[in-house]
Amino acid sequence: MSSNGRRSLRKNHGRGHSYWIDGDKVPGITSVLGDGYPKPALVNWAADTTAGYAVDHWDDLAELPISKRLAEISRARWQASDEAKLRGTAVHSYAEQLAAGSELEIPDEYVGHVDAYLKFVHDWQPAELLVEQPVFSRRWRYAGTPDLVATLADGRSWLLDWKTTAKGVFLDHVLQLAAARYAEYTLDEQGNETPLPPIEATGIVWLRADGYDLIPVEANEQAHRLFLYVLAISRFVGDRDAWIGDTLLPGTAT
């Protein structure tokens, strides 16, 4: 709770979460980009993922009723997307526990990514300032949770996001980082609003089974302005009833 009675918080709901500012639910940065930023490559990805699942599970699907078969095929792309999101979270969690001296048995599918994370830590020596801590913009009414703000071995404070995707960095990552960089405040351990630490650089740490890349991203004020345009579009997309009315019958007054 801030000193003037205004309140911001992130509410967790199982695997999901929501953000609130002064009693109003506000969109998360990822949701804004999902609703307002065009991603034509996702159309091909969804088609390829769905078709690939059907081919790989052809015999198993053939044993199911047709309606169940359709449901399984339709769900395949969402399952693949969820697995990618969970991989990034799991890799970060495993790596932090190992760095703290814990003994863990890492699942085979994560071993290479965890090794890449630990190599990044060894090379760049991040001094953590914020770790998965929510950030908020009261002015523009959005929020998000960046992966890391830290001072690296080059002496600069960086805002970083982990990516474990197959193809690395996409243009919407520029807007994602800019939105977080130009949020106004974060929350301390007591839930009090506190200014973000100064951020001098932004980038993506692309973690792969064969290593990592630290990729600088120019998430500057211009990129933030572009994010605000996307925010406006996402609000338009999410408010159909404000623009389109019900069907009129003959003789109905308008």
C-alpha atoms as a PDB file:
ATOM      1  CA  MET A   1       0.000   0.000   0.000  1.00  0.00           C
ATOM      2  CA  SER A   2       1.424   3.385  -0.942  1.00  0.00           C
ATOM      3  CA  SER A   3       1.387   6.315   1.454  1.00  0.00           C
ATOM      4  CA  ASN A   4      -1.515   8.045  -0.328  1.00  0.00           C
ATOM      5  CA  GLY A   5      -3.783   5.004  -0.134  1.00  0.00           C
ATOM      6  CA  ARG A   6      -3.369   3.908  -3.754  1.00  0.00           C
ATOM      7  CA  ARG A   7      -2.632   0.244  -4.234  1.00  0.00           C
ATOM      8  CA  SER A   8      -1.083  -1.949  -6.915  1.00  0.00           C
ATOM      9  CA  LEU A   9      -0.756  -5.708  -6.838  1.00  0.00           C
ATOM     10  CA  ARG A  10      -0.256  -8.852  -8.846  1.00  0.00           C
ATOM     11  CA  LYS A  11      -2.709 -11.647  -8.053  1.00  0.00           C
ATOM     12  CA  ASN A  12      -1.653 -15.222  -8.814  1.00  0.00           C
ATOM     13  CA  HIS A  13      -4.292 -17.686 -10.033  1.00  0.00           C
ATOM     14  CA  GLY A  14      -2.758 -21.137 -10.342  1.00  0.00           C
ATOM     15  CA  ARG A  15      -0.480 -20.889 -13.373  1.00  0.00           C
ATOM     16  CA  GLY A  16      -1.908 -17.515 -14.365  1.00  0.00           C
ATOM     17  CA  HIS A  17      -1.950 -14.072 -12.797  1.00  0.00           C
ATOM     18  CA  SER A  18      -3.592 -10.672 -13.078  1.00  0.00           C
ATOM     19  CA  TYR A  19      -2.586  -7.087 -12.306  1.00  0.00           C
ATOM     20  CA  TRP A  20      -4.532  -4.436 -10.418  1.00  0.00           C
ATOM     21  CA  ILE A  21      -4.025  -0.699  -9.977  1.00  0.00           C
ATOM     22  CA  ASP A  22      -6.223   1.232  -7.522  1.00  0.00           C
ATOM     23  CA  GLY A  23      -8.926  -1.440  -7.638  1.00  0.00           C
ATOM     24  CA  ASP A  24      -9.008  -1.720 -11.435  1.00  0.00           C
ATOM     25  CA  LYS A  25      -7.763  -4.731 -13.350  1.00  0.00           C
ATOM     26  CA  VAL A  26      -5.157  -3.680 -15.932  1.00  0.00           C
ATOM     27  CA  PRO A  27      -3.706  -5.704 -18.809  1.00  0.00           C
ATOM     28  CA  GLY A  28      -0.341  -7.412 -18.625  1.00  0.00           C
ATOM     29  CA  ILE A  29       2.327  -6.558 -21.163  1.00  0.00           C
ATOM     30  CA  THR A  30       2.222 -10.046 -22.701  1.00  0.00           C
ATOM     31  CA  SER A  31      -1.577  -9.886 -23.085  1.00  0.00           C
ATOM     32  CA  VAL A  32      -1.352  -6.464 -24.708  1.00  0.00           C
ATOM     33  CA  LEU A  33       1.094  -7.766 -27.300  1.00  0.00           C
ATOM     34  CA  GLY A  34      -1.009 -10.882 -27.838  1.00  0.00           C
ATOM     35  CA  ASP A  35      -4.141  -8.842 -28.583  1.00  0.00           C
ATOM     36  CA  GLY A  36      -2.706  -5.784 -30.320  1.00  0.00           C
ATOM     37  CA  TYR A  37       0.440  -6.810 -32.182  1.00  0.00           C
ATOM     38  CA  PRO A  38       0.172  -8.683 -35.513  1.00  0.00           C
ATOM     39  CA  LYS A  39       2.005 -12.004 -35.522  1.00  0.00           C
ATOM     40  CA  PRO A  40       1.446 -13.585 -38.944  1.00  0.00           C
ATOM     41  CA  ALA A  41       4.198 -16.133 -38.314  1.00  0.00           C
ATOM     42  CA  LEU A  42       2.054 -17.615 -35.554  1.00  0.00           C
ATOM     43  CA  VAL A  43      -0.547 -18.651 -38.135  1.00  0.00           C
ATOM     44  CA  ASN A  44       1.968 -20.894 -39.889  1.00  0.00           C
ATOM     45  CA  TRP A  45       3.364 -22.075 -36.551  1.00  0.00           C
ATOM     46  CA  ALA A  46      -0.114 -23.058 -35.343  1.00  0.00           C
ATOM     47  CA  ALA A  47      -0.892 -24.893 -38.575  1.00  0.00           C
ATOM     48  CA  ASP A  48       2.451 -26.719 -38.591  1.00  0.00           C
ATOM     49  CA  THR A  49       2.211 -27.628 -34.892  1.00  0.00           C
ATOM     50  CA  THR A  50      -1.330 -28.942 -35.273  1.00  0.00           C
ATOM     51  CA  ALA A  51      -0.491 -30.950 -38.385  1.00  0.00           C
ATOM     52  CA  GLY A  52       2.683 -32.304 -36.781  1.00  0.00           C
ATOM     53  CA  TYR A  53       0.797 -33.457 -33.697  1.00  0.00           C
ATOM     54  CA  ALA A  54      -1.811 -35.231 -35.840  1.00  0.00           C
ATOM     55  CA  VAL A  55       0.873 -37.082 -37.828  1.00  0.00           C
ATOM     56  CA  ASP A  56       2.959 -37.987 -34.773  1.00  0.00           C
ATOM     57  CA  HIS A  57      -0.067 -39.316 -32.868  1.00  0.00           C
ATOM     58  CA  TRP A  58      -1.964 -40.783 -35.823  1.00  0.00           C
ATOM     59  CA  ASP A  59      -2.437 -44.268 -34.395  1.00  0.00           C
ATOM     60  CA  ASP A  60      -3.428 -43.045 -30.916  1.00  0.00           C
ATOM     61  CA  LEU A  61      -5.903 -40.552 -32.342  1.00  0.00           C
ATOM     62  CA  ALA A  62      -7.483 -43.222 -34.556  1.00  0.00           C
ATOM     63  CA  GLU A  63      -8.613 -45.075 -31.432  1.00  0.00           C
ATOM     64  CA  LEU A  64     -10.557 -42.085 -30.106  1.00  0.00           C
ATOM     65  CA  PRO A  65     -14.114 -40.990 -30.956  1.00  0.00           C
ATOM     66  CA  ILE A  66     -14.154 -38.337 -33.657  1.00  0.00           C
ATOM     67  CA  SER A  67     -15.169 -35.495 -31.305  1.00  0.00           C
ATOM     68  CA  LYS A  68     -12.427 -36.446 -28.843  1.00  0.00           C
ATOM     69  CA  ARG A  69      -9.949 -36.723 -31.716  1.00  0.00           C
ATOM     70  CA  LEU A  70     -10.806 -33.200 -32.859  1.00  0.00           C
ATOM     71  CA  ALA A  71     -10.420 -31.828 -29.332  1.00  0.00           C
ATOM     72  CA  GLU A  72      -6.969 -33.402 -28.949  1.00  0.00           C
ATOM     73  CA  ILE A  73      -5.744 -32.033 -32.287  1.00  0.00           C
ATOM     74  CA  SER A  74      -7.151 -28.561 -31.598  1.00  0.00           C
ATOM     75  CA  ARG A  75      -5.460 -28.458 -28.196  1.00  0.00           C
ATOM     76  CA  ALA A  76      -2.019 -29.395 -29.533  1.00  0.00           C
ATOM     77  CA  ARG A  77      -0.801 -25.882 -30.368  1.00  0.00           C
ATOM     78  CA  TRP A  78      -1.762 -24.534 -26.937  1.00  0.00           C
ATOM     79  CA  GLN A  79       0.027 -27.403 -25.253  1.00  0.00           C
ATOM     80  CA  ALA A  80       3.179 -26.646 -27.237  1.00  0.00           C
ATOM     81  CA  SER A  81       2.943 -22.950 -26.339  1.00  0.00           C
ATOM     82  CA  ASP A  82       2.456 -23.716 -22.640  1.00  0.00           C
ATOM     83  CA  GLU A  83       5.459 -26.049 -22.658  1.00  0.00           C
ATOM     84  CA  ALA A  84       7.664 -23.305 -24.117  1.00  0.00           C
ATOM     85  CA  LYS A  85       6.554 -20.847 -21.418  1.00  0.00           C
ATOM     86  CA  LEU A  86       7.115 -23.384 -18.659  1.00  0.00           C
ATOM     87  CA  ARG A  87      10.586 -24.211 -19.990  1.00  0.00           C
ATOM     88  CA  GLY A  88      11.837 -20.668 -19.453  1.00  0.00           C
ATOM     89  CA  THR A  89      10.461 -20.537 -15.908  1.00  0.00           C
ATOM     90  CA  ALA A  90      11.796 -23.990 -15.054  1.00  0.00           C
ATOM     91  CA  VAL A  91      15.278 -23.299 -16.435  1.00  0.00           C
ATOM     92  CA  HIS A  92      15.560 -20.111 -14.390  1.00  0.00           C
ATOM     93  CA  SER A  93      14.358 -21.865 -11.235  1.00  0.00           C
ATOM     94  CA  TYR A  94      16.698 -24.846 -11.629  1.00  0.00           C
ATOM     95  CA  ALA A  95      19.688 -22.639 -12.387  1.00  0.00           C
ATOM     96  CA  GLU A  96      19.105 -20.388  -9.380  1.00  0.00           C
ATOM     97  CA  GLN A  97      18.822 -23.386  -7.053  1.00  0.00           C
ATOM     98  CA  LEU A  98      22.031 -24.870  -8.432  1.00  0.00           C
ATOM     99  CA  ALA A  99      23.826 -21.547  -8.094  1.00  0.00           C
ATOM    100  CA  ALA A 100      22.717 -21.436  -4.447  1.00  0.00           C
ATOM    101  CA  GLY A 101      24.341 -24.828  -3.828  1.00  0.00           C
ATOM    102  CA  SER A 102      21.284 -27.069  -3.943  1.00  0.00           C
ATOM    103  CA  GLU A 103      21.616 -30.609  -5.276  1.00  0.00           C
ATOM    104  CA  LEU A 104      19.051 -31.242  -7.967  1.00  0.00           C
ATOM    105  CA  GLU A 105      18.233 -33.823 -10.585  1.00  0.00           C
ATOM    106  CA  ILE A 106      17.572 -31.783 -13.721  1.00  0.00           C
ATOM    107  CA  PRO A 107      15.212 -33.311 -16.321  1.00  0.00           C
ATOM    108  CA  ASP A 108      17.100 -34.226 -19.479  1.00  0.00           C
ATOM    109  CA  GLU A 109      15.199 -31.740 -21.617  1.00  0.00           C
ATOM    110  CA  TYR A 110      16.384 -28.846 -19.430  1.00  0.00           C
ATOM    111  CA  VAL A 111      20.032 -29.774 -18.841  1.00  0.00           C
ATOM    112  CA  GLY A 112      21.492 -27.888 -21.821  1.00  0.00           C
ATOM    113  CA  HIS A 113      19.429 -24.756 -21.136  1.00  0.00           C
ATOM    114  CA  VAL A 114      20.379 -24.749 -17.454  1.00  0.00           C
ATOM    115  CA  ASP A 115      24.053 -25.116 -18.384  1.00  0.00           C
ATOM    116  CA  ALA A 116      23.662 -22.171 -20.758  1.00  0.00           C
ATOM    117  CA  TYR A 117      22.138 -20.064 -17.983  1.00  0.00           C
ATOM    118  CA  LEU A 118      24.981 -20.906 -15.609  1.00  0.00           C
ATOM    119  CA  LYS A 119      27.499 -20.033 -18.347  1.00  0.00           C
ATOM    120  CA  PHE A 120      25.813 -16.644 -18.771  1.00  0.00           C
ATOM    121  CA  VAL A 121      26.069 -16.052 -15.001  1.00  0.00           C
ATOM    122  CA  HIS A 122      29.745 -17.056 -15.054  1.00  0.00           C
ATOM    123  CA  ASP A 123      30.540 -14.772 -17.991  1.00  0.00           C
ATOM    124  CA  TRP A 124      28.489 -11.694 -17.044  1.00  0.00           C
ATOM    125  CA  GLN A 125      28.347 -11.892 -13.212  1.00  0.00           C
ATOM    126  CA  PRO A 126      24.863 -10.352 -12.819  1.00  0.00           C
ATOM    127  CA  ALA A 127      24.308  -8.458  -9.554  1.00  0.00           C
ATOM    128  CA  GLU A 128      20.541  -8.816  -9.217  1.00  0.00           C
ATOM    129  CA  LEU A 129      18.419  -5.733  -8.533  1.00  0.00           C
ATOM    130  CA  LEU A 130      14.968  -7.107  -9.399  1.00  0.00           C
ATOM    131  CA  VAL A 131      14.106 -10.743 -10.082  1.00  0.00           C
ATOM    132  CA  GLU A 132      10.670 -11.501 -11.575  1.00  0.00           C
ATOM    133  CA  GLN A 133       9.262  -8.489  -9.759  1.00  0.00           C
ATOM    134  CA  PRO A 134       6.110  -6.862 -11.154  1.00  0.00           C
ATOM    135  CA  VAL A 135       6.284  -3.367 -12.611  1.00  0.00           C
ATOM    136  CA  PHE A 136       3.354  -0.982 -13.099  1.00  0.00           C
ATOM    137  CA  SER A 137       2.379   2.089 -15.103  1.00  0.00           C
ATOM    138  CA  ARG A 138      -0.364   4.067 -13.376  1.00  0.00           C
ATOM    139  CA  ARG A 139      -0.270   6.672 -16.137  1.00  0.00           C
ATOM    140  CA  TRP A 140      -0.879   4.212 -18.971  1.00  0.00           C
ATOM    141  CA  ARG A 141      -2.700   1.499 -16.964  1.00  0.00           C
ATOM    142  CA  TYR A 142      -0.668  -1.624 -17.643  1.00  0.00           C
ATOM    143  CA  ALA A 143       1.722  -3.892 -15.757  1.00  0.00           C
ATOM    144  CA  GLY A 144       4.109  -6.789 -16.297  1.00  0.00           C
ATOM    145  CA  THR A 145       6.784  -8.976 -14.757  1.00  0.00           C
ATOM    146  CA  PRO A 146      10.214  -8.772 -16.415  1.00  0.00           C
ATOM    147  CA  ASP A 147      12.651 -11.576 -15.706  1.00  0.00           C
ATOM    148  CA  LEU A 148      15.626  -9.621 -14.405  1.00  0.00           C
ATOM    149  CA  VAL A 149      17.125  -6.224 -13.719  1.00  0.00           C
ATOM    150  CA  ALA A 150      20.813  -6.565 -12.865  1.00  0.00           C
ATOM    151  CA  THR A 151      24.170  -4.884 -13.128  1.00  0.00           C
ATOM    152  CA  LEU A 152      26.377  -6.937 -15.454  1.00  0.00           C
ATOM    153  CA  ALA A 153      30.133  -7.250 -15.789  1.00  0.00           C
ATOM    154  CA  ASP A 154      30.233  -4.292 -18.186  1.00  0.00           C
ATOM    155  CA  GLY A 155      29.146  -2.045 -15.292  1.00  0.00           C
ATOM    156  CA  ARG A 156      25.733  -1.200 -16.766  1.00  0.00           C
ATOM    157  CA  SER A 157      22.335  -1.968 -15.289  1.00  0.00           C
ATOM    158  CA  TRP A 158      20.358  -4.161 -17.694  1.00  0.00           C
ATOM    159  CA  LEU A 159      16.704  -5.101 -18.024  1.00  0.00           C
ATOM    160  CA  LEU A 160      16.756  -8.681 -19.354  1.00  0.00           C
ATOM    161  CA  ASP A 161      14.296 -11.319 -20.430  1.00  0.00           C
ATOM    162  CA  TRP A 162      15.076 -15.017 -20.815  1.00  0.00           C
ATOM    163  CA  LYS A 163      13.984 -16.656 -24.067  1.00  0.00           C
ATOM    164  CA  THR A 164      14.180 -20.378 -24.778  1.00  0.00           C
ATOM    165  CA  THR A 165      12.399 -20.322 -28.137  1.00  0.00           C
ATOM    166  CA  ALA A 166      13.880 -22.073 -31.152  1.00  0.00           C
ATOM    167  CA  LYS A 167      14.305 -18.889 -33.203  1.00  0.00           C
ATOM    168  CA  GLY A 168      15.559 -16.342 -30.697  1.00  0.00           C
ATOM    169  CA  VAL A 169      14.485 -12.698 -30.712  1.00  0.00           C
ATOM    170  CA  PHE A 170      11.371 -11.288 -32.384  1.00  0.00           C
ATOM    171  CA  LEU A 171      10.355  -7.665 -32.942  1.00  0.00           C
ATOM    172  CA  ASP A 172       7.618  -7.769 -30.313  1.00  0.00           C
ATOM    173  CA  HIS A 173      10.337  -8.440 -27.716  1.00  0.00           C
ATOM    174  CA  VAL A 174      11.476  -4.839 -28.327  1.00  0.00           C
ATOM    175  CA  LEU A 175       8.043  -3.585 -27.264  1.00  0.00           C
ATOM    176  CA  GLN A 176       7.901  -6.021 -24.345  1.00  0.00           C
ATOM    177  CA  LEU A 177      11.163  -4.705 -22.911  1.00  0.00           C
ATOM    178  CA  ALA A 178      10.271  -1.060 -23.595  1.00  0.00           C
ATOM    179  CA  ALA A 179       6.956  -1.421 -21.768  1.00  0.00           C
ATOM    180  CA  ALA A 180       8.730  -2.793 -18.701  1.00  0.00           C
ATOM    181  CA  ARG A 181      11.574  -0.273 -18.884  1.00  0.00           C
ATOM    182  CA  TYR A 182       9.235   2.736 -18.925  1.00  0.00           C
ATOM    183  CA  ALA A 183       6.829   1.517 -16.254  1.00  0.00           C
ATOM    184  CA  GLU A 184       6.847   3.931 -13.331  1.00  0.00           C
ATOM    185  CA  TYR A 185       7.325   1.742 -10.288  1.00  0.00           C
ATOM    186  CA  THR A 186       7.648  -1.701  -8.766  1.00  0.00           C
ATOM    187  CA  LEU A 187       6.689  -3.094  -5.354  1.00  0.00           C
ATOM    188  CA  ASP A 188       8.952  -3.801  -2.412  1.00  0.00           C
ATOM    189  CA  GLU A 189       8.580  -6.849  -0.144  1.00  0.00           C
ATOM    190  CA  GLN A 190       5.867  -5.091   1.875  1.00  0.00           C
ATOM    191  CA  GLY A 191       3.897  -4.204  -1.249  1.00  0.00           C
ATOM    192  CA  ASN A 192       4.861  -0.533  -1.168  1.00  0.00           C
ATOM    193  CA  GLU A 193       5.364   1.268  -4.462  1.00  0.00           C
ATOM    194  CA  THR A 194       8.981   2.140  -5.171  1.00  0.00           C
ATOM    195  CA  PRO A 195      10.638   3.642  -8.278  1.00  0.00           C
ATOM    196  CA  LEU A 196      12.362   1.336 -10.724  1.00  0.00           C
ATOM    197  CA  PRO A 197      16.140   1.336 -10.511  1.00  0.00           C
ATOM    198  CA  PRO A 198      17.893   3.195 -13.358  1.00  0.00           C
ATOM    199  CA  ILE A 199      18.117   1.020 -16.478  1.00  0.00           C
ATOM    200  CA  GLU A 200      20.953   1.697 -18.898  1.00  0.00           C
ATOM    201  CA  ALA A 201      20.527  -1.168 -21.373  1.00  0.00           C
ATOM    202  CA  THR A 202      17.973  -3.790 -22.364  1.00  0.00           C
ATOM    203  CA  GLY A 203      18.356  -7.185 -23.953  1.00  0.00           C
ATOM    204  CA  ILE A 204      17.372 -10.788 -24.416  1.00  0.00           C
ATOM    205  CA  VAL A 205      19.331 -13.722 -23.038  1.00  0.00           C
ATOM    206  CA  TRP A 206      18.617 -16.475 -25.568  1.00  0.00           C
ATOM    207  CA  LEU A 207      19.145 -19.773 -23.775  1.00  0.00           C
ATOM    208  CA  ARG A 208      19.578 -22.877 -25.900  1.00  0.00           C
ATOM    209  CA  ALA A 209      20.689 -26.443 -25.319  1.00  0.00           C
ATOM    210  CA  ASP A 210      24.006 -25.579 -27.021  1.00  0.00           C
ATOM    211  CA  GLY A 211      24.762 -22.269 -25.281  1.00  0.00           C
ATOM    212  CA  TYR A 212      23.475 -18.717 -24.922  1.00  0.00           C
ATOM    213  CA  ASP A 213      23.560 -15.318 -26.595  1.00  0.00           C
ATOM    214  CA  LEU A 214      23.153 -11.934 -24.898  1.00  0.00           C
ATOM    215  CA  ILE A 215      21.396  -9.879 -27.556  1.00  0.00           C
ATOM    216  CA  PRO A 216      21.055  -6.109 -27.010  1.00  0.00           C
ATOM    217  CA  VAL A 217      17.656  -4.628 -27.839  1.00  0.00           C
ATOM    218  CA  GLU A 218      16.999  -0.940 -28.474  1.00  0.00           C
ATOM    219  CA  ALA A 219      13.955  -0.676 -26.192  1.00  0.00           C
ATOM    220  CA  ASN A 220      14.007   3.123 -26.068  1.00  0.00           C
ATOM    221  CA  GLU A 221      11.370   5.843 -25.708  1.00  0.00           C
ATOM    222  CA  GLN A 222      10.371   5.499 -29.358  1.00  0.00           C
ATOM    223  CA  ALA A 223       9.753   1.775 -28.807  1.00  0.00           C
ATOM    224  CA  HIS A 224       7.632   2.641 -25.777  1.00  0.00           C
ATOM    225  CA  ARG A 225       5.502   4.992 -27.875  1.00  0.00           C
ATOM    226  CA  LEU A 226       4.971   2.147 -30.323  1.00  0.00           C
ATOM    227  CA  PHE A 227       3.931  -0.095 -27.422  1.00  0.00           C
ATOM    228  CA  LEU A 228       1.329   2.504 -26.412  1.00  0.00           C
ATOM    229  CA  TYR A 229      -0.172   2.310 -29.917  1.00  0.00           C
ATOM    230  CA  VAL A 230      -0.369  -1.469 -29.528  1.00  0.00           C
ATOM    231  CA  LEU A 231      -1.984  -0.946 -26.103  1.00  0.00           C
ATOM    232  CA  ALA A 232      -4.673   1.214 -27.741  1.00  0.00           C
ATOM    233  CA  ILE A 233      -5.339  -1.443 -30.392  1.00  0.00           C
ATOM    234  CA  SER A 234      -5.555  -4.188 -27.766  1.00  0.00           C
ATOM    235  CA  ARG A 235      -8.185  -2.185 -25.886  1.00  0.00           C
ATOM    236  CA  PHE A 236     -10.125  -1.695 -29.121  1.00  0.00           C
ATOM    237  CA  VAL A 237      -9.997  -5.436 -29.839  1.00  0.00           C
ATOM    238  CA  GLY A 238     -11.172  -6.256 -26.322  1.00  0.00           C
ATOM    239  CA  ASP A 239     -14.187  -3.893 -26.308  1.00  0.00           C
ATOM    240  CA  ARG A 240     -16.383  -5.010 -29.201  1.00  0.00           C
ATOM    241  CA  ASP A 241     -19.649  -4.043 -27.501  1.00  0.00           C
ATOM    242  CA  ALA A 242     -18.566  -0.395 -27.287  1.00  0.00           C
ATOM    243  CA  TRP A 243     -18.458  -0.191 -31.080  1.00  0.00           C
ATOM    244  CA  ILE A 244     -20.936  -2.707 -32.474  1.00  0.00           C
ATOM    245  CA  GLY A 245     -24.552  -2.805 -31.359  1.00  0.00           C
ATOM    246  CA  ASP A 246     -27.313  -5.392 -31.520  1.00  0.00           C
ATOM    247  CA  THR A 247     -29.275  -6.154 -34.684  1.00  0.00           C
ATOM    248  CA  LEU A 248     -32.106  -3.703 -35.295  1.00  0.00           C
ATOM    249  CA  LEU A 249     -35.578  -4.848 -36.255  1.00  0.00           C
ATOM    250  CA  PRO A 250     -37.748  -2.911 -38.723  1.00  0.00           C
ATOM    251  CA  GLY A 251     -39.374   0.044 -36.958  1.00  0.00           C
ATOM    252  CA  THR A 252     -36.930  -0.018 -34.072  1.00  0.00           C
ATOM    253  CA  ALA A 253     -35.839   3.441 -32.977  1.00  0.00           C
ATOM    254  CA  THR A 254     -32.110   4.155 -33.206  1.00  0.00           C
END
